[in-house]
C-alpha atoms as a PDB file:
ATOM      1  CA  MET A   1     -41.941  41.236 -59.696  1.00  0.00           C
ATOM      2  CA  ILE A   2     -39.517  42.824 -62.341  1.00  0.00           C
ATOM      3  CA  TYR A   3     -41.042  46.283 -61.764  1.00  0.00           C
ATOM      4  CA  VAL A   4     -40.763  46.080 -58.167  1.00  0.00           C
ATOM      5  CA  VAL A   5     -37.177  45.057 -58.308  1.00  0.00           C
ATOM      6  CA  ILE A   6     -36.160  47.762 -60.819  1.00  0.00           C
ATOM      7  CA  SER A   7     -38.279  50.382 -59.018  1.00  0.00           C
ATOM      8  CA  LEU A   8     -36.649  49.719 -55.660  1.00  0.00           C
ATOM      9  CA  THR A   9     -33.273  49.545 -57.161  1.00  0.00           C
ATOM     10  CA  ALA A  10     -33.434  52.657 -59.159  1.00  0.00           C
ATOM     11  CA  LEU A  11     -34.878  54.608 -56.161  1.00  0.00           C
ATOM     12  CA  ALA A  12     -32.238  53.481 -53.805  1.00  0.00           C
ATOM     13  CA  ALA A  13     -29.334  53.793 -56.271  1.00  0.00           C
ATOM     14  CA  SER A  14     -30.446  57.223 -57.272  1.00  0.00           C
ATOM     15  CA  PHE A  15     -30.584  58.361 -53.537  1.00  0.00           C
ATOM     16  CA  LEU A  16     -27.259  56.886 -52.735  1.00  0.00           C
ATOM     17  CA  THR A  17     -25.454  58.362 -55.732  1.00  0.00           C
ATOM     18  CA  PHE A  18     -27.076  61.855 -55.145  1.00  0.00           C
ATOM     19  CA  PHE A  19     -24.446  62.051 -52.387  1.00  0.00           C
ATOM     20  CA  SER A  20     -21.605  60.184 -54.096  1.00  0.00           C
ATOM     21  CA  GLY A  21     -21.969  61.611 -57.464  1.00  0.00           C
ATOM     22  CA  PHE A  22     -21.580  58.134 -59.057  1.00  0.00           C
ATOM     23  CA  GLY A  23     -22.885  54.601 -58.929  1.00  0.00           C
ATOM     24  CA  LEU A  24     -26.352  54.621 -60.401  1.00  0.00           C
ATOM     25  CA  GLY A  25     -25.194  52.674 -63.516  1.00  0.00           C
ATOM     26  CA  THR A  26     -22.874  50.434 -61.337  1.00  0.00           C
ATOM     27  CA  ILE A  27     -25.847  49.199 -59.197  1.00  0.00           C
ATOM     28  CA  LEU A  28     -28.744  49.445 -61.817  1.00  0.00           C
ATOM     29  CA  MET A  29     -27.052  47.675 -64.873  1.00  0.00           C
ATOM     30  CA  PRO A  30     -26.515  44.280 -63.087  1.00  0.00           C
ATOM     31  CA  VAL A  31     -30.248  44.296 -62.021  1.00  0.00           C
ATOM     32  CA  PHE A  32     -31.529  45.005 -65.499  1.00  0.00           C
ATOM     33  CA  ALA A  33     -29.256  42.139 -66.698  1.00  0.00           C
ATOM     34  CA  LEU A  34     -31.296  39.891 -64.436  1.00  0.00           C
ATOM     35  CA  PHE A  35     -34.370  40.427 -66.725  1.00  0.00           C
ATOM     36  CA  VAL A  36     -33.135  41.390 -70.037  1.00  0.00           C
ATOM     37  CA  ASN A  37     -29.926  40.501 -72.178  1.00  0.00           C
ATOM     38  CA  LEU A  38     -26.880  42.451 -71.526  1.00  0.00           C
ATOM     39  CA  PRO A  39     -26.811  44.770 -74.523  1.00  0.00           C
ATOM     40  CA  THR A  40     -30.474  45.821 -73.586  1.00  0.00           C
ATOM     41  CA  ALA A  41     -29.456  46.250 -69.887  1.00  0.00           C
ATOM     42  CA  ILE A  42     -26.636  48.636 -71.032  1.00  0.00           C
ATOM     43  CA  ALA A  43     -28.788  50.660 -73.262  1.00  0.00           C
ATOM     44  CA  LEU A  44     -31.512  50.889 -70.589  1.00  0.00           C
ATOM     45  CA  THR A  45     -28.999  51.865 -67.983  1.00  0.00           C
ATOM     46  CA  ALA A  46     -27.577  54.521 -70.162  1.00  0.00           C
ATOM     47  CA  VAL A  47     -30.910  56.297 -70.731  1.00  0.00           C
ATOM     48  CA  VAL A  48     -31.819  56.225 -67.071  1.00  0.00           C
ATOM     49  CA  HIS A  49     -28.172  57.538 -66.350  1.00  0.00           C
ATOM     50  CA  LEU A  50     -28.563  60.492 -68.469  1.00  0.00           C
ATOM     51  CA  LEU A  51     -32.181  61.562 -67.735  1.00  0.00           C
ATOM     52  CA  ASN A  52     -31.441  61.246 -64.063  1.00  0.00           C
ATOM     53  CA  ASN A  53     -28.345  63.496 -64.261  1.00  0.00           C
ATOM     54  CA  VAL A  54     -30.408  65.928 -66.232  1.00  0.00           C
ATOM     55  CA  PHE A  55     -33.117  65.863 -63.552  1.00  0.00           C
ATOM     56  CA  LYS A  56     -30.631  66.282 -60.802  1.00  0.00           C
ATOM     57  CA  LEU A  57     -29.197  69.274 -62.700  1.00  0.00           C
ATOM     58  CA  ALA A  58     -32.431  71.022 -62.582  1.00  0.00           C
ATOM     59  CA  LEU A  59     -32.545  70.553 -58.794  1.00  0.00           C
ATOM     60  CA  VAL A  60     -29.059  71.833 -58.068  1.00  0.00           C
ATOM     61  CA  TYR A  61     -28.005  73.917 -61.029  1.00  0.00           C
ATOM     62  CA  LYS A  62     -27.838  77.272 -58.896  1.00  0.00           C
ATOM     63  CA  ALA A  63     -24.738  75.917 -57.162  1.00  0.00           C
ATOM     64  CA  ILE A  64     -22.799  75.015 -60.316  1.00  0.00           C
ATOM     65  CA  ASN A  65     -19.322  76.400 -60.451  1.00  0.00           C
ATOM     66  CA  TYR A  66     -19.303  77.235 -64.108  1.00  0.00           C
ATOM     67  CA  LYS A  67     -15.593  77.907 -64.303  1.00  0.00           C
ATOM     68  CA  LEU A  68     -14.659  74.609 -62.594  1.00  0.00           C
ATOM     69  CA  ALA A  69     -17.183  72.768 -64.688  1.00  0.00           C
ATOM     70  CA  LEU A  70     -15.920  73.995 -67.996  1.00  0.00           C
ATOM     71  CA  LYS A  71     -12.154  73.589 -67.040  1.00  0.00           C
ATOM     72  CA  PHE A  72     -12.886  69.946 -65.926  1.00  0.00           C
ATOM     73  CA  GLY A  73     -15.870  69.174 -68.184  1.00  0.00           C
ATOM     74  CA  VAL A  74     -14.565  70.296 -71.713  1.00  0.00           C
ATOM     75  CA  PRO A  75     -11.532  68.007 -71.456  1.00  0.00           C
ATOM     76  CA  ALA A  76     -13.747  65.344 -70.119  1.00  0.00           C
ATOM     77  CA  LEU A  77     -16.053  65.820 -73.192  1.00  0.00           C
ATOM     78  CA  ILE A  78     -13.467  65.596 -75.676  1.00  0.00           C
ATOM     79  CA  ALA A  79     -11.567  62.622 -73.988  1.00  0.00           C
ATOM     80  CA  SER A  80     -15.031  60.852 -73.700  1.00  0.00           C
ATOM     81  CA  PHE A  81     -15.415  61.018 -77.656  1.00  0.00           C
ATOM     82  CA  VAL A  82     -11.905  59.473 -77.968  1.00  0.00           C
ATOM     83  CA  GLY A  83     -12.614  56.768 -75.321  1.00  0.00           C
ATOM     84  CA  ALA A  84     -16.100  55.846 -76.780  1.00  0.00           C
ATOM     85  CA  SER A  85     -14.661  55.759 -80.328  1.00  0.00           C
ATOM     86  CA  LEU A  86     -11.773  53.601 -79.187  1.00  0.00           C
ATOM     87  CA  LEU A  87     -14.223  51.190 -77.646  1.00  0.00           C
ATOM     88  CA  ASN A  88     -16.004  50.402 -81.061  1.00  0.00           C
ATOM     89  CA  PHE A  89     -12.598  49.170 -82.293  1.00  0.00           C
ATOM     90  CA  ILE A  90     -11.459  47.140 -79.251  1.00  0.00           C
ATOM     91  CA  ASN A  91     -11.892  43.375 -79.106  1.00  0.00           C
ATOM     92  CA  ASP A  92     -12.534  42.927 -75.387  1.00  0.00           C
ATOM     93  CA  GLU A  93     -11.024  39.466 -75.623  1.00  0.00           C
ATOM     94  CA  HIS A  94      -7.752  40.880 -76.260  1.00  0.00           C
ATOM     95  CA  LEU A  95      -7.730  42.872 -73.121  1.00  0.00           C
ATOM     96  CA  ILE A  96      -8.601  40.033 -70.645  1.00  0.00           C
ATOM     97  CA  LEU A  97      -5.931  39.305 -68.304  1.00  0.00           C
ATOM     98  CA  LEU A  98      -7.725  36.695 -66.131  1.00  0.00           C
ATOM     99  CA  GLN A  99     -11.124  34.982 -66.023  1.00  0.00           C
ATOM    100  CA  TYR A 100     -12.583  33.154 -63.289  1.00  0.00           C
ATOM    101  CA  GLN A 101     -16.044  31.499 -62.342  1.00  0.00           C
ATOM    102  CA  LEU A 102     -18.185  31.998 -59.143  1.00  0.00           C
ATOM    103  CA  GLY A 103     -21.158  29.512 -59.512  1.00  0.00           C
ATOM    104  CA  GLU A 104     -22.396  29.704 -63.058  1.00  0.00           C
ATOM    105  CA  LYS A 105     -21.114  33.364 -63.549  1.00  0.00           C
ATOM    106  CA  THR A 106     -17.941  33.955 -65.230  1.00  0.00           C
ATOM    107  CA  PHE A 107     -16.071  37.240 -64.478  1.00  0.00           C
ATOM    108  CA  PHE A 108     -13.220  38.860 -66.365  1.00  0.00           C
ATOM    109  CA  ILE A 109     -10.204  40.962 -65.226  1.00  0.00           C
ATOM    110  CA  ASN A 110      -8.914  43.341 -67.605  1.00  0.00           C
ATOM    111  CA  TRP A 111      -6.122  46.034 -67.812  1.00  0.00           C
ATOM    112  CA  GLN A 112      -8.542  49.174 -67.844  1.00  0.00           C
ATOM    113  CA  GLY A 113     -10.367  47.602 -64.786  1.00  0.00           C
ATOM    114  CA  LEU A 114      -7.336  47.083 -62.897  1.00  0.00           C
ATOM    115  CA  LEU A 115      -6.042  50.701 -63.737  1.00  0.00           C
ATOM    116  CA  ILE A 116      -9.265  52.420 -62.940  1.00  0.00           C
ATOM    117  CA  GLY A 117      -9.966  50.324 -59.689  1.00  0.00           C
ATOM    118  CA  PHE A 118      -6.332  51.084 -58.466  1.00  0.00           C
ATOM    119  CA  ILE A 119      -6.793  54.775 -59.144  1.00  0.00           C
ATOM    120  CA  VAL A 120     -10.183  54.956 -57.335  1.00  0.00           C
ATOM    121  CA  PHE A 121      -8.753  52.594 -54.576  1.00  0.00           C
ATOM    122  CA  ILE A 122      -5.926  55.121 -53.931  1.00  0.00           C
ATOM    123  CA  PHE A 123      -8.364  58.203 -53.816  1.00  0.00           C
ATOM    124  CA  SER A 124     -10.719  56.234 -51.300  1.00  0.00           C
ATOM    125  CA  ILE A 125      -7.811  55.499 -48.880  1.00  0.00           C
ATOM    126  CA  VAL A 126      -6.967  59.121 -49.010  1.00  0.00           C
ATOM    127  CA  GLU A 127     -10.620  60.093 -48.293  1.00  0.00           C
ATOM    128  CA  LEU A 128     -10.890  57.725 -45.350  1.00  0.00           C
ATOM    129  CA  ASN A 129      -7.536  58.513 -43.835  1.00  0.00           C
ATOM    130  CA  PRO A 130      -7.964  61.515 -41.258  1.00  0.00           C
ATOM    131  CA  LYS A 131      -4.471  62.634 -41.756  1.00  0.00           C
ATOM    132  CA  LEU A 132      -4.869  62.855 -45.634  1.00  0.00           C
ATOM    133  CA  SER A 133      -8.531  63.771 -45.960  1.00  0.00           C
ATOM    134  CA  ASN A 134      -7.878  67.468 -46.027  1.00  0.00           C
ATOM    135  CA  LEU A 135      -5.333  67.211 -48.728  1.00  0.00           C
ATOM    136  CA  SER A 136      -6.136  69.435 -51.631  1.00  0.00           C
ATOM    137  CA  PHE A 137      -5.215  69.355 -55.490  1.00  0.00           C
ATOM    138  CA  ASN A 138      -3.289  72.144 -57.179  1.00  0.00           C
ATOM    139  CA  THR A 139      -5.637  73.557 -59.716  1.00  0.00           C
ATOM    140  CA  LYS A 140      -3.232  72.480 -62.589  1.00  0.00           C
ATOM    141  CA  TRP A 141      -4.511  68.897 -62.221  1.00  0.00           C
ATOM    142  CA  ILE A 142      -7.974  69.777 -63.117  1.00  0.00           C
ATOM    143  CA  ILE A 143      -7.476  69.465 -66.760  1.00  0.00           C
ATOM    144  CA  SER A 144      -5.673  66.145 -66.364  1.00  0.00           C
ATOM    145  CA  GLY A 145      -8.476  64.893 -64.079  1.00  0.00           C
ATOM    146  CA  GLY A 146     -11.002  65.798 -66.784  1.00  0.00           C
ATOM    147  CA  LEU A 147      -9.196  64.129 -69.396  1.00  0.00           C
ATOM    148  CA  LEU A 148      -8.818  60.840 -67.432  1.00  0.00           C
ATOM    149  CA  THR A 149     -12.371  60.913 -66.300  1.00  0.00           C
ATOM    150  CA  GLY A 150     -13.855  61.510 -69.820  1.00  0.00           C
ATOM    151  CA  PHE A 151     -11.567  58.987 -71.548  1.00  0.00           C
ATOM    152  CA  PHE A 152     -12.443  56.117 -69.219  1.00  0.00           C
ATOM    153  CA  GLY A 153     -15.955  57.365 -68.982  1.00  0.00           C
ATOM    154  CA  GLY A 154     -16.073  56.643 -72.831  1.00  0.00           C
ATOM    155  CA  LEU A 155     -14.079  53.530 -72.792  1.00  0.00           C
ATOM    156  CA  SER A 156     -15.539  51.782 -69.898  1.00  0.00           C
ATOM    157  CA  GLY A 157     -18.347  53.626 -68.486  1.00  0.00           C
ATOM    158  CA  HIS A 158     -16.475  54.111 -65.201  1.00  0.00           C
ATOM    159  CA  GLN A 159     -16.325  57.971 -65.115  1.00  0.00           C
ATOM    160  CA  GLY A 160     -18.205  58.809 -61.865  1.00  0.00           C
ATOM    161  CA  ALA A 161     -15.738  57.475 -59.289  1.00  0.00           C
ATOM    162  CA  LEU A 162     -12.882  59.338 -60.900  1.00  0.00           C
ATOM    163  CA  ARG A 163     -14.761  62.580 -61.245  1.00  0.00           C
ATOM    164  CA  SER A 164     -15.730  62.395 -57.508  1.00  0.00           C
ATOM    165  CA  ALA A 165     -12.261  61.678 -56.510  1.00  0.00           C
ATOM    166  CA  PHE A 166     -10.801  64.799 -58.389  1.00  0.00           C
ATOM    167  CA  LEU A 167     -13.501  67.000 -57.344  1.00  0.00           C
ATOM    168  CA  LEU A 168     -13.188  66.022 -53.507  1.00  0.00           C
ATOM    169  CA  ARG A 169      -9.562  66.957 -53.517  1.00  0.00           C
ATOM    170  CA  LEU A 170     -10.506  70.674 -54.432  1.00  0.00           C
ATOM    171  CA  ASN A 171     -12.218  71.231 -50.959  1.00  0.00           C
ATOM    172  CA  LEU A 172     -15.473  72.438 -52.517  1.00  0.00           C
ATOM    173  CA  ASP A 173     -18.528  73.286 -50.524  1.00  0.00           C
ATOM    174  CA  LYS A 174     -20.842  70.346 -50.505  1.00  0.00           C
ATOM    175  CA  THR A 175     -23.432  71.881 -52.865  1.00  0.00           C
ATOM    176  CA  VAL A 176     -20.968  73.109 -55.404  1.00  0.00           C
ATOM    177  CA  PHE A 177     -19.400  69.463 -55.235  1.00  0.00           C
ATOM    178  CA  ILE A 178     -22.697  67.859 -56.202  1.00  0.00           C
ATOM    179  CA  ALA A 179     -23.891  70.405 -58.739  1.00  0.00           C
ATOM    180  CA  THR A 180     -20.632  70.753 -60.490  1.00  0.00           C
ATOM    181  CA  GLY A 181     -20.201  67.005 -60.624  1.00  0.00           C
ATOM    182  CA  VAL A 182     -23.775  66.573 -62.158  1.00  0.00           C
ATOM    183  CA  ALA A 183     -23.052  69.140 -64.783  1.00  0.00           C
ATOM    184  CA  ILE A 184     -19.788  67.482 -65.973  1.00  0.00           C
ATOM    185  CA  ALA A 185     -21.609  63.998 -65.822  1.00  0.00           C
ATOM    186  CA  CYS A 186     -24.129  65.370 -68.196  1.00  0.00           C
ATOM    187  CA  LEU A 187     -21.398  66.468 -70.694  1.00  0.00           C
ATOM    188  CA  VAL A 188     -19.705  63.092 -70.665  1.00  0.00           C
ATOM    189  CA  ASP A 189     -23.099  61.249 -70.954  1.00  0.00           C
ATOM    190  CA  VAL A 190     -24.154  63.133 -73.937  1.00  0.00           C
ATOM    191  CA  ALA A 191     -20.744  62.714 -75.624  1.00  0.00           C
ATOM    192  CA  ARG A 192     -20.600  58.862 -74.964  1.00  0.00           C
ATOM    193  CA  LEU A 193     -24.039  58.145 -75.881  1.00  0.00           C
ATOM    194  CA  SER A 194     -23.617  59.990 -79.079  1.00  0.00           C
ATOM    195  CA  VAL A 195     -21.002  57.573 -80.109  1.00  0.00           C
ATOM    196  CA  TYR A 196     -22.446  54.283 -78.690  1.00  0.00           C
ATOM    197  CA  SER A 197     -24.855  52.598 -81.167  1.00  0.00           C
ATOM    198  CA  TYR A 198     -28.076  51.412 -79.363  1.00  0.00           C
ATOM    199  CA  ASN A 199     -30.923  49.800 -80.992  1.00  0.00           C
ATOM    200  CA  PHE A 200     -33.935  52.098 -80.309  1.00  0.00           C
ATOM    201  CA  LYS A 201     -36.216  49.198 -81.091  1.00  0.00           C
ATOM    202  CA  THR A 202     -34.631  47.486 -78.104  1.00  0.00           C
ATOM    203  CA  LEU A 203     -35.530  50.510 -75.820  1.00  0.00           C
ATOM    204  CA  SER A 204     -39.096  50.841 -77.189  1.00  0.00           C
ATOM    205  CA  ASP A 205     -39.792  47.175 -76.604  1.00  0.00           C
ATOM    206  CA  ASN A 206     -38.871  47.720 -72.829  1.00  0.00           C
ATOM    207  CA  TYR A 207     -40.610  50.996 -72.435  1.00  0.00           C
ATOM    208  CA  LEU A 208     -42.511  50.097 -69.418  1.00  0.00           C
ATOM    209  CA  ILE A 209     -39.413  48.975 -67.497  1.00  0.00           C
ATOM    210  CA  LEU A 210     -37.606  52.126 -68.797  1.00  0.00           C
ATOM    211  CA  ILE A 211     -40.490  54.462 -67.451  1.00  0.00           C
ATOM    212  CA  VAL A 212     -40.639  52.703 -64.025  1.00  0.00           C
ATOM    213  CA  ALA A 213     -36.805  52.995 -63.671  1.00  0.00           C
ATOM    214  CA  ILE A 214     -36.703  56.622 -64.626  1.00  0.00           C
ATOM    215  CA  ALA A 215     -39.686  57.672 -62.515  1.00  0.00           C
ATOM    216  CA  SER A 216     -38.192  55.626 -59.493  1.00  0.00           C
ATOM    217  CA  ALA A 217     -34.628  57.466 -59.990  1.00  0.00           C
ATOM    218  CA  PHE A 218     -36.249  60.848 -60.220  1.00  0.00           C
ATOM    219  CA  SER A 219     -37.876  60.038 -56.801  1.00  0.00           C
ATOM    220  CA  GLY A 220     -34.626  58.916 -55.291  1.00  0.00           C
ATOM    221  CA  ALA A 221     -33.015  62.107 -56.369  1.00  0.00           C
ATOM    222  CA  ILE A 222     -35.894  64.416 -54.857  1.00  0.00           C
ATOM    223  CA  ILE A 223     -35.424  62.447 -51.543  1.00  0.00           C
ATOM    224  CA  GLY A 224     -31.674  62.691 -51.795  1.00  0.00           C
ATOM    225  CA  ASN A 225     -31.782  66.476 -52.377  1.00  0.00           C
ATOM    226  CA  ASN A 226     -33.889  66.914 -49.247  1.00  0.00           C
ATOM    227  CA  VAL A 227     -31.693  64.819 -47.060  1.00  0.00           C
ATOM    228  CA  PHE A 228     -28.522  66.130 -48.642  1.00  0.00           C
ATOM    229  CA  LYS A 229     -29.438  69.701 -47.153  1.00  0.00           C
ATOM    230  CA  LYS A 230     -29.177  68.297 -43.626  1.00  0.00           C
ATOM    231  CA  THR A 231     -25.821  66.487 -43.905  1.00  0.00           C
ATOM    232  CA  SER A 232     -22.294  68.002 -43.331  1.00  0.00           C
ATOM    233  CA  ILE A 233     -19.384  67.975 -45.717  1.00  0.00           C
ATOM    234  CA  HIS A 234     -17.488  65.388 -43.504  1.00  0.00           C
ATOM    235  CA  PHE A 235     -20.435  63.005 -43.741  1.00  0.00           C
ATOM    236  CA  LEU A 236     -20.486  63.610 -47.501  1.00  0.00           C
ATOM    237  CA  LYS A 237     -16.668  62.760 -47.914  1.00  0.00           C
ATOM    238  CA  TYR A 238     -16.822  59.605 -45.642  1.00  0.00           C
ATOM    239  CA  THR A 239     -19.778  58.216 -47.756  1.00  0.00           C
ATOM    240  CA  VAL A 240     -17.989  58.893 -50.863  1.00  0.00           C
ATOM    241  CA  GLY A 241     -14.874  57.327 -49.653  1.00  0.00           C
ATOM    242  CA  VAL A 242     -16.498  54.131 -48.384  1.00  0.00           C
ATOM    243  CA  PHE A 243     -18.296  53.923 -51.635  1.00  0.00           C
ATOM    244  CA  MET A 244     -15.365  54.418 -53.706  1.00  0.00           C
ATOM    245  CA  LEU A 245     -13.347  51.857 -51.884  1.00  0.00           C
ATOM    246  CA  VAL A 246     -16.022  49.235 -52.236  1.00  0.00           C
ATOM    247  CA  VAL A 247     -16.411  50.120 -56.133  1.00  0.00           C
ATOM    248  CA  SER A 248     -12.790  50.008 -56.713  1.00  0.00           C
ATOM    249  CA  LEU A 249     -12.427  46.554 -55.402  1.00  0.00           C
ATOM    250  CA  LEU A 250     -15.328  45.275 -57.433  1.00  0.00           C
ATOM    251  CA  ILE A 251     -13.947  46.844 -60.565  1.00  0.00           C
ATOM    252  CA  MET A 252     -10.430  45.432 -60.033  1.00  0.00           C
ATOM    253  CA  GLY A 253     -11.986  42.166 -59.396  1.00  0.00           C
ATOM    254  CA  GLY A 254     -14.061  42.144 -62.518  1.00  0.00           C
ATOM    255  CA  ILE A 255     -17.496  41.922 -60.742  1.00  0.00           C
ATOM    256  CA  ILE A 256     -18.349  45.465 -62.163  1.00  0.00           C
ATOM    257  CA  ASN A 257     -17.659  45.458 -65.879  1.00  0.00           C
ATOM    258  CA  LYS A 258     -19.240  47.044 -68.761  1.00  0.00           C
END
């Protein structure tokens, strides 16, 4: 049963996140956590996330806007080191503002979750409002967006929604949006994973689950790439907007947390 659940989840999440540019870890990690302990779930998710991004990059690399990827990605790369390093010294208990229980599960609301969730929420409203959806950013915000995305990517793992929110405001072609976002995601993933301390024995002990998840995620990316070619930029923006709205509420409510 575990292999069926993980396989279907990874495939569906990879397919969906091919369009949105984020969400694979958000969806996959809680499912991993149903079968293994939380540190192992985080480690497995991180590996799948990075390898899936590399695989997607191989599918769409021709459409990368390298100037934008470097201008946004290099600040994100540097800031992700800072965020990930800070995470190693932070005691999460000191950051909790509120905790509550639903059934047997305890959830925590913390300051970074509220901040990230609020930012993503604002972007989602802009994206879903017809009068605001065509607004674009001045290019001076690209570096700031990269720094913000990378820092929180390293600190809490919530980098994808922020990255997509900033890139969408640049009114990019849909293929450029996807490809450039994936390239930036790879930079941040490599940076933060180089700082995090994962037990490789933990990964090797769960190698079958990991292989199933990676293979399924790759399949989802392939399907997403084929379907993506038939979609419009308006459908893409609406899909991302709805996904950002849902994710922002879950982050602020402490349902999605690292």
